[in-house]
Structures are given as structure tokens and as C-alpha cells.
C-alpha atoms as a PDB file:
ATOM      1  CA  UNK A   1       0.000   0.000   0.000  1.00  0.00           C
ATOM      2  CA  UNK A   2       1.344   3.433  -0.935  1.00  0.00           C
ATOM      3  CA  UNK A   3       0.633   6.080   1.705  1.00  0.00           C
ATOM      4  CA  UNK A   4       2.087   8.639  -0.679  1.00  0.00           C
ATOM      5  CA  UNK A   5       0.092  11.613  -1.937  1.00  0.00           C
ATOM      6  CA  UNK A   6       2.207  11.850  -5.090  1.00  0.00           C
ATOM      7  CA  UNK A   7       1.382   8.285  -6.132  1.00  0.00           C
ATOM      8  CA  UNK A   8      -2.305   8.788  -5.356  1.00  0.00           C
ATOM      9  CA  UNK A   9      -2.406  12.082  -7.267  1.00  0.00           C
ATOM     10  CA  UNK A  10      -0.958  10.387 -10.346  1.00  0.00           C
ATOM     11  CA  UNK A  11      -3.454   7.502 -10.142  1.00  0.00           C
ATOM     12  CA  UNK A  12      -6.380   9.891  -9.663  1.00  0.00           C
ATOM     13  CA  UNK A  13      -5.486  12.030 -12.672  1.00  0.00           C
ATOM     14  CA  UNK A  14      -4.852   9.066 -14.971  1.00  0.00           C
ATOM     15  CA  UNK A  15      -8.046   7.313 -13.896  1.00  0.00           C
ATOM     16  CA  UNK A  16     -10.282  10.352 -14.256  1.00  0.00           C
ATOM     17  CA  UNK A  17      -8.974  10.849 -17.776  1.00  0.00           C
ATOM     18  CA  UNK A  18     -10.586   7.588 -18.925  1.00  0.00           C
ATOM     19  CA  UNK A  19     -13.744   7.188 -16.794  1.00  0.00           C
ATOM     20  CA  UNK A  20     -17.148   8.777 -17.101  1.00  0.00           C
ATOM     21  CA  UNK A  21     -17.878  12.096 -15.411  1.00  0.00           C
ATOM     22  CA  UNK A  22     -20.414  10.463 -13.080  1.00  0.00           C
ATOM     23  CA  UNK A  23     -17.952   7.852 -11.807  1.00  0.00           C
ATOM     24  CA  UNK A  24     -17.490   7.790  -8.030  1.00  0.00           C
ATOM     25  CA  UNK A  25     -13.780   7.712  -7.139  1.00  0.00           C
ATOM     26  CA  UNK A  26     -12.952   6.066  -3.793  1.00  0.00           C
ATOM     27  CA  UNK A  27      -9.580   5.861  -2.076  1.00  0.00           C
ATOM     28  CA  UNK A  28      -8.637   3.144   0.417  1.00  0.00           C
ATOM     29  CA  UNK A  29      -5.951   5.336   2.018  1.00  0.00           C
ATOM     30  CA  UNK A  30      -5.220   4.518   5.659  1.00  0.00           C
ATOM     31  CA  UNK A  31      -4.443   7.984   6.987  1.00  0.00           C
ATOM     32  CA  UNK A  32      -4.130  10.752   4.354  1.00  0.00           C
ATOM     33  CA  UNK A  33      -7.095  13.176   4.552  1.00  0.00           C
ATOM     34  CA  UNK A  34      -9.603  12.640   1.757  1.00  0.00           C
ATOM     35  CA  UNK A  35      -9.953  16.398   1.256  1.00  0.00           C
ATOM     36  CA  UNK A  36      -6.236  16.612   0.424  1.00  0.00           C
ATOM     37  CA  UNK A  37      -6.406  13.682  -1.995  1.00  0.00           C
ATOM     38  CA  UNK A  38      -9.480  15.195  -3.671  1.00  0.00           C
ATOM     39  CA  UNK A  39      -7.390  18.221  -4.658  1.00  0.00           C
ATOM     40  CA  UNK A  40      -6.068  16.073  -7.528  1.00  0.00           C
ATOM     41  CA  UNK A  41      -9.606  15.383  -8.748  1.00  0.00           C
ATOM     42  CA  UNK A  42     -11.549  17.344 -11.336  1.00  0.00           C
ATOM     43  CA  UNK A  43     -14.750  16.233  -9.613  1.00  0.00           C
ATOM     44  CA  UNK A  44     -14.154  16.416  -5.825  1.00  0.00           C
ATOM     45  CA  UNK A  45     -17.892  15.999  -5.178  1.00  0.00           C
ATOM     46  CA  UNK A  46     -17.504  12.434  -6.514  1.00  0.00           C
ATOM     47  CA  UNK A  47     -14.376  11.728  -4.415  1.00  0.00           C
ATOM     48  CA  UNK A  48     -14.771   9.735  -1.185  1.00  0.00           C
ATOM     49  CA  UNK A  49     -12.824   7.486   1.149  1.00  0.00           C
ATOM     50  CA  UNK A  50     -13.721   3.806   1.526  1.00  0.00           C
ATOM     51  CA  UNK A  51     -11.298   2.359   4.034  1.00  0.00           C
ATOM     52  CA  UNK A  52     -11.173  -1.437   4.313  1.00  0.00           C
ATOM     53  CA  UNK A  53      -9.355  -3.140   7.155  1.00  0.00           C
ATOM     54  CA  UNK A  54      -6.803  -5.922   6.931  1.00  0.00           C
ATOM     55  CA  UNK A  55      -7.323  -8.800   6.386  1.00  0.00           C
ATOM     56  CA  UNK A  56     -10.194  -7.672   4.174  1.00  0.00           C
ATOM     57  CA  UNK A  57     -11.751 -11.130   3.853  1.00  0.00           C
ATOM     58  CA  UNK A  58     -12.207 -11.378   7.634  1.00  0.00           C
ATOM     59  CA  UNK A  59     -12.755  -7.810   8.814  1.00  0.00           C
ATOM     60  CA  UNK A  60     -16.411  -6.781   8.610  1.00  0.00           C
ATOM     61  CA  UNK A  61     -15.985  -3.041   9.131  1.00  0.00           C
ATOM     62  CA  UNK A  62     -15.545  -0.457   6.368  1.00  0.00           C
ATOM     63  CA  UNK A  63     -14.993   3.201   7.194  1.00  0.00           C
ATOM     64  CA  UNK A  64     -16.562   5.680   4.769  1.00  0.00           C
ATOM     65  CA  UNK A  65     -14.911   9.095   4.889  1.00  0.00           C
ATOM     66  CA  UNK A  66     -16.460  12.245   3.483  1.00  0.00           C
ATOM     67  CA  UNK A  67     -14.148  15.039   2.340  1.00  0.00           C
ATOM     68  CA  UNK A  68     -15.049  18.718   2.482  1.00  0.00           C
ATOM     69  CA  UNK A  69     -16.570  18.586  -1.011  1.00  0.00           C
ATOM     70  CA  UNK A  70     -17.894  15.016  -1.097  1.00  0.00           C
ATOM     71  CA  UNK A  71     -21.465  15.057  -2.377  1.00  0.00           C
ATOM     72  CA  UNK A  72     -24.539  13.178  -1.217  1.00  0.00           C
ATOM     73  CA  UNK A  73     -24.568  10.959  -4.321  1.00  0.00           C
ATOM     74  CA  UNK A  74     -21.041   9.731  -3.598  1.00  0.00           C
ATOM     75  CA  UNK A  75     -21.917   9.020   0.038  1.00  0.00           C
ATOM     76  CA  UNK A  76     -25.110   7.178  -0.902  1.00  0.00           C
ATOM     77  CA  UNK A  77     -23.265   5.093  -3.489  1.00  0.00           C
ATOM     78  CA  UNK A  78     -20.530   4.206  -1.000  1.00  0.00           C
ATOM     79  CA  UNK A  79     -22.979   3.120   1.697  1.00  0.00           C
ATOM     80  CA  UNK A  80     -24.980   1.098  -0.828  1.00  0.00           C
ATOM     81  CA  UNK A  81     -21.843  -0.604  -2.145  1.00  0.00           C
ATOM     82  CA  UNK A  82     -20.554  -1.561   1.295  1.00  0.00           C
ATOM     83  CA  UNK A  83     -23.967  -2.898   2.291  1.00  0.00           C
ATOM     84  CA  UNK A  84     -24.207  -4.994  -0.882  1.00  0.00           C
ATOM     85  CA  UNK A  85     -20.872  -6.686  -0.211  1.00  0.00           C
ATOM     86  CA  UNK A  86     -22.227  -7.566   3.246  1.00  0.00           C
ATOM     87  CA  UNK A  87     -19.904  -5.471   5.365  1.00  0.00           C
ATOM     88  CA  UNK A  88     -20.729  -2.965   8.101  1.00  0.00           C
ATOM     89  CA  UNK A  89     -20.237   0.706   7.165  1.00  0.00           C
ATOM     90  CA  UNK A  90     -19.614   3.598   9.511  1.00  0.00           C
ATOM     91  CA  UNK A  91     -19.535   7.165   8.180  1.00  0.00           C
ATOM     92  CA  UNK A  92     -16.959   9.589   9.564  1.00  0.00           C
ATOM     93  CA  UNK A  93     -15.794  13.077   8.762  1.00  0.00           C
ATOM     94  CA  UNK A  94     -12.371  13.791   7.360  1.00  0.00           C
ATOM     95  CA  UNK A  95      -9.206  14.010   9.439  1.00  0.00           C
ATOM     96  CA  UNK A  96      -5.730  12.495   9.289  1.00  0.00           C
ATOM     97  CA  UNK A  97      -6.127   8.829  10.184  1.00  0.00           C
ATOM     98  CA  UNK A  98      -9.932   9.173  10.177  1.00  0.00           C
ATOM     99  CA  UNK A  99     -11.476   7.504  13.241  1.00  0.00           C
ATOM    100  CA  UNK A 100     -10.467   3.864  13.556  1.00  0.00           C
ATOM    101  CA  UNK A 101      -6.866   4.307  12.477  1.00  0.00           C
ATOM    102  CA  UNK A 102      -6.409   7.154  14.914  1.00  0.00           C
ATOM    103  CA  UNK A 103      -7.355   4.698  17.646  1.00  0.00           C
ATOM    104  CA  UNK A 104      -5.246   1.936  16.102  1.00  0.00           C
ATOM    105  CA  UNK A 105      -2.207   4.196  15.905  1.00  0.00           C
ATOM    106  CA  UNK A 106      -2.559   5.166  19.560  1.00  0.00           C
ATOM    107  CA  UNK A 107      -2.704   1.451  20.432  1.00  0.00           C
ATOM    108  CA  UNK A 108       0.466   0.647  18.493  1.00  0.00           C
ATOM    109  CA  UNK A 109       2.237   3.832  19.551  1.00  0.00           C
ATOM    110  CA  UNK A 110       1.653   3.074  23.214  1.00  0.00           C
ATOM    111  CA  UNK A 111       3.275  -0.314  22.633  1.00  0.00           C
ATOM    112  CA  UNK A 112       6.244   1.460  20.995  1.00  0.00           C
ATOM    113  CA  UNK A 113       6.441   3.750  24.040  1.00  0.00           C
ATOM    114  CA  UNK A 114       6.526   0.740  26.346  1.00  0.00           C
ATOM    115  CA  UNK A 115       9.319  -0.848  24.330  1.00  0.00           C
ATOM    116  CA  UNK A 116      11.307   2.405  24.467  1.00  0.00           C
ATOM    117  CA  UNK A 117      10.834   2.480  28.249  1.00  0.00           C
ATOM    118  CA  UNK A 118      12.368  -0.975  28.463  1.00  0.00           C
ATOM    119  CA  UNK A 119       9.208  -2.973  29.139  1.00  0.00           C
ATOM    120  CA  UNK A 120       9.932  -6.543  27.947  1.00  0.00           C
ATOM    121  CA  UNK A 121       8.262  -7.195  24.601  1.00  0.00           C
ATOM    122  CA  UNK A 122       6.379 -10.225  25.911  1.00  0.00           C
ATOM    123  CA  UNK A 123       4.749  -8.037  28.583  1.00  0.00           C
ATOM    124  CA  UNK A 124       3.929  -5.372  26.000  1.00  0.00           C
ATOM    125  CA  UNK A 125       2.120  -7.962  23.886  1.00  0.00           C
ATOM    126  CA  UNK A 126       0.544 -10.122  26.566  1.00  0.00           C
ATOM    127  CA  UNK A 127      -0.797  -7.318  28.772  1.00  0.00           C
ATOM    128  CA  UNK A 128      -2.914  -6.149  25.821  1.00  0.00           C
ATOM    129  CA  UNK A 129      -4.375  -9.627  25.378  1.00  0.00           C
ATOM    130  CA  UNK A 130      -4.948  -9.867  29.127  1.00  0.00           C
ATOM    131  CA  UNK A 131      -7.148  -6.778  28.973  1.00  0.00           C
ATOM    132  CA  UNK A 132      -9.264  -8.325  26.203  1.00  0.00           C
ATOM    133  CA  UNK A 133      -7.651  -7.231  22.955  1.00  0.00           C
ATOM    134  CA  UNK A 134      -7.873 -10.224  20.591  1.00  0.00           C
ATOM    135  CA  UNK A 135      -4.667  -9.184  18.846  1.00  0.00           C
ATOM    136  CA  UNK A 136      -1.646  -7.723  20.610  1.00  0.00           C
ATOM    137  CA  UNK A 137      -0.231  -4.412  19.317  1.00  0.00           C
ATOM    138  CA  UNK A 138       3.026  -5.912  18.036  1.00  0.00           C
ATOM    139  CA  UNK A 139       1.149  -8.651  16.194  1.00  0.00           C
ATOM    140  CA  UNK A 140      -1.218  -6.035  14.777  1.00  0.00           C
ATOM    141  CA  UNK A 141       1.675  -3.888  13.606  1.00  0.00           C
ATOM    142  CA  UNK A 142       3.212  -6.908  11.889  1.00  0.00           C
ATOM    143  CA  UNK A 143      -0.125  -7.697  10.239  1.00  0.00           C
ATOM    144  CA  UNK A 144      -0.640  -4.205   8.806  1.00  0.00           C
ATOM    145  CA  UNK A 145       3.099  -3.958   7.979  1.00  0.00           C
ATOM    146  CA  UNK A 146       5.820  -2.028   9.763  1.00  0.00           C
ATOM    147  CA  UNK A 147       6.980  -0.424   6.533  1.00  0.00           C
ATOM    148  CA  UNK A 148       3.456   0.967   6.130  1.00  0.00           C
ATOM    149  CA  UNK A 149       3.824   2.570   9.570  1.00  0.00           C
ATOM    150  CA  UNK A 150       7.064   4.073   8.304  1.00  0.00           C
ATOM    151  CA  UNK A 151       5.361   5.452   5.180  1.00  0.00           C
ATOM    152  CA  UNK A 152       2.566   6.939   7.290  1.00  0.00           C
ATOM    153  CA  UNK A 153       5.081   8.705   9.543  1.00  0.00           C
ATOM    154  CA  UNK A 154       7.089  10.014   6.579  1.00  0.00           C
ATOM    155  CA  UNK A 155       3.947  11.416   4.931  1.00  0.00           C
ATOM    156  CA  UNK A 156       2.822  12.947   8.220  1.00  0.00           C
ATOM    157  CA  UNK A 157       6.201  14.644   8.684  1.00  0.00           C
ATOM    158  CA  UNK A 158       6.115  15.885   5.077  1.00  0.00           C
ATOM    159  CA  UNK A 159       2.683  17.396   5.631  1.00  0.00           C
ATOM    160  CA  UNK A 160       2.894  18.632   9.222  1.00  0.00           C
ATOM    161  CA  UNK A 161       6.555  18.802  10.181  1.00  0.00           C
ATOM    162  CA  UNK A 162       8.821  16.776  12.461  1.00  0.00           C
ATOM    163  CA  UNK A 163       6.982  17.812  15.628  1.00  0.00           C
ATOM    164  CA  UNK A 164       3.929  15.864  14.454  1.00  0.00           C
ATOM    165  CA  UNK A 165       5.630  12.511  15.104  1.00  0.00           C
ATOM    166  CA  UNK A 166       7.331  11.238  18.252  1.00  0.00           C
ATOM    167  CA  UNK A 167      11.054  10.839  17.418  1.00  0.00           C
ATOM    168  CA  UNK A 168      11.152   7.634  19.495  1.00  0.00           C
ATOM    169  CA  UNK A 169       8.641   6.096  17.108  1.00  0.00           C
ATOM    170  CA  UNK A 170      10.594   7.155  14.027  1.00  0.00           C
ATOM    171  CA  UNK A 171      13.794   5.720  15.494  1.00  0.00           C
ATOM    172  CA  UNK A 172      12.234   2.358  16.395  1.00  0.00           C
ATOM    173  CA  UNK A 173      10.507   1.845  13.055  1.00  0.00           C
ATOM    174  CA  UNK A 174      13.545   2.976  11.079  1.00  0.00           C
ATOM    175  CA  UNK A 175      15.757   0.535  12.987  1.00  0.00           C
ATOM    176  CA  UNK A 176      13.369  -2.319  12.253  1.00  0.00           C
ATOM    177  CA  UNK A 177      12.788  -1.511   8.575  1.00  0.00           C
ATOM    178  CA  UNK A 178      16.005   0.123   7.375  1.00  0.00           C
ATOM    179  CA  UNK A 179      18.621  -1.606   9.506  1.00  0.00           C
ATOM    180  CA  UNK A 180      17.100  -5.059   9.865  1.00  0.00           C
ATOM    181  CA  UNK A 181      14.641  -5.368   6.959  1.00  0.00           C
ATOM    182  CA  UNK A 182      11.871  -6.298   9.370  1.00  0.00           C
ATOM    183  CA  UNK A 183       8.801  -5.048   7.512  1.00  0.00           C
ATOM    184  CA  UNK A 184       6.192  -7.294   9.129  1.00  0.00           C
ATOM    185  CA  UNK A 185       4.456 -10.590   8.532  1.00  0.00           C
ATOM    186  CA  UNK A 186       4.379 -10.151   4.750  1.00  0.00           C
ATOM    187  CA  UNK A 187       8.193 -10.220   4.770  1.00  0.00           C
ATOM    188  CA  UNK A 188       8.463 -13.092   7.211  1.00  0.00           C
ATOM    189  CA  UNK A 189       9.905 -10.959   9.990  1.00  0.00           C
ATOM    190  CA  UNK A 190       8.843  -7.963  12.039  1.00  0.00           C
ATOM    191  CA  UNK A 191       8.409  -7.737  15.777  1.00  0.00           C
ATOM    192  CA  UNK A 192       7.952 -11.480  15.392  1.00  0.00           C
ATOM    193  CA  UNK A 193       9.790 -14.107  13.384  1.00  0.00           C
ATOM    194  CA  UNK A 194       7.560 -16.239  11.141  1.00  0.00           C
ATOM    195  CA  UNK A 195       9.230 -19.601  10.528  1.00  0.00           C
ATOM    196  CA  UNK A 196       7.788 -22.151   8.136  1.00  0.00           C
ATOM    197  CA  UNK A 197       4.904 -24.200   9.500  1.00  0.00           C
ATOM    198  CA  UNK A 198       4.362 -26.157  11.682  1.00  0.00           C
ATOM    199  CA  UNK A 199       6.641 -23.927  13.782  1.00  0.00           C
ATOM    200  CA  UNK A 200       4.826 -21.006  15.417  1.00  0.00           C
ATOM    201  CA  UNK A 201       5.733 -17.344  15.284  1.00  0.00           C
ATOM    202  CA  UNK A 202       7.857 -16.010  18.130  1.00  0.00           C
ATOM    203  CA  UNK A 203       9.059 -12.593  19.247  1.00  0.00           C
ATOM    204  CA  UNK A 204      12.300 -11.475  17.615  1.00  0.00           C
ATOM    205  CA  UNK A 205      14.933 -12.230  20.274  1.00  0.00           C
ATOM    206  CA  UNK A 206      16.957  -9.112  19.446  1.00  0.00           C
ATOM    207  CA  UNK A 207      14.127  -6.788  20.525  1.00  0.00           C
ATOM    208  CA  UNK A 208      15.492  -6.925  24.056  1.00  0.00           C
ATOM    209  CA  UNK A 209      18.786  -5.464  22.843  1.00  0.00           C
ATOM    210  CA  UNK A 210      17.247  -2.310  21.362  1.00  0.00           C
ATOM    211  CA  UNK A 211      16.604  -0.714  24.764  1.00  0.00           C
ATOM    212  CA  UNK A 212      17.847  -1.266  28.332  1.00  0.00           C
ATOM    213  CA  UNK A 213      15.363  -3.720  29.853  1.00  0.00           C
ATOM    214  CA  UNK A 214      13.319  -3.209  33.019  1.00  0.00           C
ATOM    215  CA  UNK A 215      13.003  -6.003  35.536  1.00  0.00           C
ATOM    216  CA  UNK A 216       9.571  -7.565  34.844  1.00  0.00           C
ATOM    217  CA  UNK A 217       8.907  -7.634  38.597  1.00  0.00           C
ATOM    218  CA  UNK A 218       9.145  -3.831  38.615  1.00  0.00           C
ATOM    219  CA  UNK A 219       6.539  -3.382  35.870  1.00  0.00           C
ATOM    220  CA  UNK A 220       2.856  -3.116  36.861  1.00  0.00           C
ATOM    221  CA  UNK A 221       0.768  -5.238  34.519  1.00  0.00           C
ATOM    222  CA  UNK A 222      -2.376  -3.427  35.693  1.00  0.00           C
ATOM    223  CA  UNK A 223      -0.841  -0.117  34.614  1.00  0.00           C
ATOM    224  CA  UNK A 224       0.078  -1.519  31.216  1.00  0.00           C
ATOM    225  CA  UNK A 225      -3.500  -2.715  30.774  1.00  0.00           C
ATOM    226  CA  UNK A 226      -4.891   0.680  31.770  1.00  0.00           C
ATOM    227  CA  UNK A 227      -2.553   2.454  29.381  1.00  0.00           C
ATOM    228  CA  UNK A 228      -4.033   0.510  26.452  1.00  0.00           C
ATOM    229  CA  UNK A 229      -7.649   1.045  27.435  1.00  0.00           C
ATOM    230  CA  UNK A 230      -7.230   4.707  28.332  1.00  0.00           C
ATOM    231  CA  UNK A 231      -5.164   5.767  25.329  1.00  0.00           C
ATOM    232  CA  UNK A 232      -7.714   4.318  22.893  1.00  0.00           C
ATOM    233  CA  UNK A 233     -10.755   5.596  24.776  1.00  0.00           C
ATOM    234  CA  UNK A 234      -9.226   9.077  25.007  1.00  0.00           C
ATOM    235  CA  UNK A 235      -8.620   9.131  21.255  1.00  0.00           C
ATOM    236  CA  UNK A 236     -12.223   8.084  20.650  1.00  0.00           C
ATOM    237  CA  UNK A 237     -13.371  10.927  22.905  1.00  0.00           C
ATOM    238  CA  UNK A 238     -11.210  13.391  20.972  1.00  0.00           C
ATOM    239  CA  UNK A 239     -12.807  12.206  17.738  1.00  0.00           C
ATOM    240  CA  UNK A 240     -16.232  12.961  19.199  1.00  0.00           C
ATOM    241  CA  UNK A 241     -15.012  16.352  20.422  1.00  0.00           C
ATOM    242  CA  UNK A 242     -13.654  17.204  16.952  1.00  0.00           C
ATOM    243  CA  UNK A 243     -16.771  16.016  15.119  1.00  0.00           C
ATOM    244  CA  UNK A 244     -14.931  13.217  13.322  1.00  0.00           C
ATOM    245  CA  UNK A 245     -17.564  10.772  14.532  1.00  0.00           C
ATOM    246  CA  UNK A 246     -21.098  12.058  14.942  1.00  0.00           C
ATOM    247  CA  UNK A 247     -22.810   8.838  16.052  1.00  0.00           C
ATOM    248  CA  UNK A 248     -21.291   7.446  19.244  1.00  0.00           C
ATOM    249  CA  UNK A 249     -22.780   4.034  18.522  1.00  0.00           C
ATOM    250  CA  UNK A 250     -20.701   3.908  15.340  1.00  0.00           C
ATOM    251  CA  UNK A 251     -17.650   4.910  17.389  1.00  0.00           C
ATOM    252  CA  UNK A 252     -18.145   1.910  19.669  1.00  0.00           C
ATOM    253  CA  UNK A 253     -18.989  -0.507  16.858  1.00  0.00           C
ATOM    254  CA  UNK A 254     -16.150   0.782  14.708  1.00  0.00           C
ATOM    255  CA  UNK A 255     -13.523   0.253  17.403  1.00  0.00           C
ATOM    256  CA  UNK A 256     -14.665  -3.301  18.101  1.00  0.00           C
ATOM    257  CA  UNK A 257     -15.129  -4.417  14.490  1.00  0.00           C
ATOM    258  CA  UNK A 258     -12.236  -2.376  13.089  1.00  0.00           C
ATOM    259  CA  UNK A 259      -9.412  -3.644  15.293  1.00  0.00           C
ATOM    260  CA  UNK A 260     -10.974  -5.626  18.108  1.00  0.00           C
ATOM    261  CA  UNK A 261     -11.030  -3.077  20.923  1.00  0.00           C
ATOM    262  CA  UNK A 262     -11.716  -5.210  24.025  1.00  0.00           C
ATOM    263  CA  UNK A 263     -15.262  -6.354  23.150  1.00  0.00           C
ATOM    264  CA  UNK A 264     -16.288  -6.832  26.792  1.00  0.00           C
ATOM    265  CA  UNK A 265     -16.206  -3.044  27.214  1.00  0.00           C
ATOM    266  CA  UNK A 266     -18.939  -2.427  24.639  1.00  0.00           C
ATOM    267  CA  UNK A 267     -16.574  -0.011  22.904  1.00  0.00           C
ATOM    268  CA  UNK A 268     -14.375   2.871  24.081  1.00  0.00           C
ATOM    269  CA  UNK A 269     -17.150   5.359  24.800  1.00  0.00           C
ATOM    270  CA  UNK A 270     -19.255   2.756  26.559  1.00  0.00           C
ATOM    271  CA  UNK A 271     -16.166   1.955  28.614  1.00  0.00           C
ATOM    272  CA  UNK A 272     -15.814   5.583  29.717  1.00  0.00           C
ATOM    273  CA  UNK A 273     -19.492   5.586  30.724  1.00  0.00           C
ATOM    274  CA  UNK A 274     -18.982   2.299  32.592  1.00  0.00           C
ATOM    275  CA  UNK A 275     -16.046   3.709  34.574  1.00  0.00           C
ATOM    276  CA  UNK A 276     -17.763   7.041  35.117  1.00  0.00           C
ATOM    277  CA  UNK A 277     -16.507  10.108  33.277  1.00  0.00           C
ATOM    278  CA  UNK A 278     -15.068  11.783  36.386  1.00  0.00           C
ATOM    279  CA  UNK A 279     -13.245   8.636  37.518  1.00  0.00           C
ATOM    280  CA  UNK A 280     -12.005   8.071  33.971  1.00  0.00           C
ATOM    281  CA  UNK A 281     -10.765  11.680  33.841  1.00  0.00           C
ATOM    282  CA  UNK A 282      -8.904  11.328  37.130  1.00  0.00           C
ATOM    283  CA  UNK A 283      -7.123   8.153  36.039  1.00  0.00           C
ATOM    284  CA  UNK A 284      -6.292   9.722  32.653  1.00  0.00           C
ATOM    285  CA  UNK A 285      -4.661  12.740  34.242  1.00  0.00           C
ATOM    286  CA  UNK A 286      -2.757  10.493  36.630  1.00  0.00           C
ATOM    287  CA  UNK A 287      -1.372   8.561  33.652  1.00  0.00           C
ATOM    288  CA  UNK A 288      -0.573  11.855  31.893  1.00  0.00           C
ATOM    289  CA  UNK A 289       1.571  12.952  34.814  1.00  0.00           C
ATOM    290  CA  UNK A 290       3.775   9.901  34.301  1.00  0.00           C
ATOM    291  CA  UNK A 291       3.438   9.001  30.622  1.00  0.00           C
ATOM    292  CA  UNK A 292       2.784  12.297  28.857  1.00  0.00           C
ATOM    293  CA  UNK A 293       0.211  14.441  27.084  1.00  0.00           C
ATOM    294  CA  UNK A 294      -1.519  11.674  25.079  1.00  0.00           C
ATOM    295  CA  UNK A 295      -3.209  10.731  28.350  1.00  0.00           C
ATOM    296  CA  UNK A 296      -4.365  14.235  29.229  1.00  0.00           C
ATOM    297  CA  UNK A 297      -8.155  14.377  29.327  1.00  0.00           C
ATOM    298  CA  UNK A 298      -9.557  16.580  26.537  1.00  0.00           C
ATOM    299  CA  UNK A 299     -11.822  19.527  27.270  1.00  0.00           C
ATOM    300  CA  UNK A 300     -14.946  17.505  26.447  1.00  0.00           C
ATOM    301  CA  UNK A 301     -14.139  14.936  29.139  1.00  0.00           C
ATOM    302  CA  UNK A 302     -13.414  17.697  31.676  1.00  0.00           C
ATOM    303  CA  UNK A 303     -16.713  19.397  30.870  1.00  0.00           C
ATOM    304  CA  UNK A 304     -18.718  16.165  31.064  1.00  0.00           C
ATOM    305  CA  UNK A 305     -17.054  15.213  34.350  1.00  0.00           C
ATOM    306  CA  UNK A 306     -18.039  18.535  35.922  1.00  0.00           C
ATOM    307  CA  UNK A 307     -21.639  18.151  34.731  1.00  0.00           C
ATOM    308  CA  UNK A 308     -21.914  14.483  35.698  1.00  0.00           C
ATOM    309  CA  UNK A 309     -22.736  13.524  32.119  1.00  0.00           C
ATOM    310  CA  UNK A 310     -22.239  10.300  30.179  1.00  0.00           C
ATOM    311  CA  UNK A 311     -21.579   9.882  26.469  1.00  0.00           C
ATOM    312  CA  UNK A 312     -24.792   7.970  25.885  1.00  0.00           C
ATOM    313  CA  UNK A 313     -26.717  10.475  27.949  1.00  0.00           C
ATOM    314  CA  UNK A 314     -25.310  13.475  26.095  1.00  0.00           C
ATOM    315  CA  UNK A 315     -24.871  12.080  22.587  1.00  0.00           C
ATOM    316  CA  UNK A 316     -27.017   8.945  22.536  1.00  0.00           C
ATOM    317  CA  UNK A 317     -30.148   8.251  20.537  1.00  0.00           C
ATOM    318  CA  UNK A 318     -32.581   9.792  23.011  1.00  0.00           C
ATOM    319  CA  UNK A 319     -30.426  12.927  23.289  1.00  0.00           C
ATOM    320  CA  UNK A 320     -30.378  13.203  19.505  1.00  0.00           C
ATOM    321  CA  UNK A 321     -34.162  12.925  19.359  1.00  0.00           C
ATOM    322  CA  UNK A 322     -34.575  15.658  21.972  1.00  0.00           C
ATOM    323  CA  UNK A 323     -32.180  17.944  20.091  1.00  0.00           C
ATOM    324  CA  UNK A 324     -34.221  17.420  16.923  1.00  0.00           C
END
């Protein structure tokens, strides 16, 4: 997959030169804003994002992304198409990474942070599965491809500058891809080694040599588990705050079907409601004090905590009916 605006611009221009003027053009980009890609189109009202998840044959979710100029006909066609191929669509507004991949990236990035801190890789992977994630973050990164993560970071830096990406993440991914050729499962080696069957995959032994290792007895598994749940739920809340997702039910469904966010929670926003917004806020700010700004509660959470609100009380179906 090419997360490269130049490649996508070239494909868009060459395709539009030979298709009918009513053709709907959809991009499966993972992170690049649809509005930016539509700048290469002569008909931006017919340009839309249709983001499948890997592996496509098993993942039921498809994210439909509307750009600033996407028209109603394009949206209707996209929803109809996804329904006809028997997958579940959610509709989100445009932003870098859209909705699900913003949450996915926070999941993988928190695993990268743990590795950089010296948390043993087995604890990084297994603590996520202990909290209910069906796929650990290192396995997930291998599945989607580490070199794709590298391309995403390079495009983000090109668009937004070096401050937009954590230098620890760039360093880790560059070491894996450029120095060791570890691009993920498709290349037979990533965070894991993938020997020929019947042998099973196993963590790359040299991971422990990339960073000074903490004593496992000094690492709180409960804190690792909270870091995964909180970082994803906070990103989901930010997406609500920014208007990226407008239906909180789709936010919960999208996180579970898109990358398997701990299904027992009911989804990230349901999880915040389950914890209680004020209690969730307090734990988030406690994690922020130790692990940085990604854990700082956004203004929406602070406001809801003060008012004693819940997401499904404020944004749920009944609330929507009352607003109408």
C-alpha cells in the first residue's frame, strides 16, 4: 500500500482521464485526509474514502470518509456498495487517520512507548491480550506492515513537520525496517519471526537489545493494561469532540469491528461511561503525569465530568431525538 500523496495524485489524474464524469472515485488510504487527496480530482464531489481493514476477507468493518466537497450521491453510493458486499459501514468526517486508524495508531504507539521504556516485549504484547484485545499491538503492527507505519510517519512529517511525530517512534521503526529489513508478517519478519509451519511465530529475540530492559517484577501489569484502554478511549473521545464521529454508537462498533477493541467493554465510549466520566478523567490525568500528554483528558471529558454527564446520555439516541 502506498501512503504517498504523489502516487495517489498520479493515479487519480490518470483514472479520471478515462472514466465517465459520473464515476465515483474512492480511495482506500489509511491515513491521508480525503480532502487533500481530492485536490487532484476534477470532480471532488464524486471523491470519497472507503477504508477497508486488513485482512479484508475477515474484517467486517468499512470506514466511509467524506471530504469537504464530497457530495450526497457519492456518500449514498458508497454506503450502498458496502452494504451490498455484506460489510458494516460507519460514516466519519475527514481528518488524518480518520477515526479507527487514529485509535489503532494510539494502540500501536503506546506499545512502541513501552518498548522504548524498556518494558519486555512479551509483557507489552501479553498485557494487551490480558485486557481483552484479541490481537496484541506488536502482532497487529506486523499484520498491517511495519513499513506501512514508516510510510505513514514520513507522509505525516512531510505534511505537518517533524513535531507531528514522536522521534522515538521514528527511530524504532527505522531501525526495524532500514537496519534489519523487518517489515512485518508479509516479509516473514517484524516484531515477530515467522518460521515455516508447523513452527509457530515467536518474538524477535533481538528486541530486548534495542533498549535497556526493566526487571519484569518492577513493571505493573495493571498499569500496562490501563494504558491501552485509556489511550484508545481518550482518542475516541477526541474524535467525538472534533466532530470526526457524529454517532457514538458507530464509534463503539467501529472500534470493536475495526481492530478488536476489548469487546467486553462495549466499545471505548461505553467503557468511559462504565467507569464514570469523572473517575475516567482522574485516572487519565494520573497517567498523563507519568506518561505524557496523550493521556491528558480533553476539554470535552473535563466538561462532562463537571456536569456528571455520560456519552450515551449526552450524545445517545434519546439525546439526539430531543435535540431534533
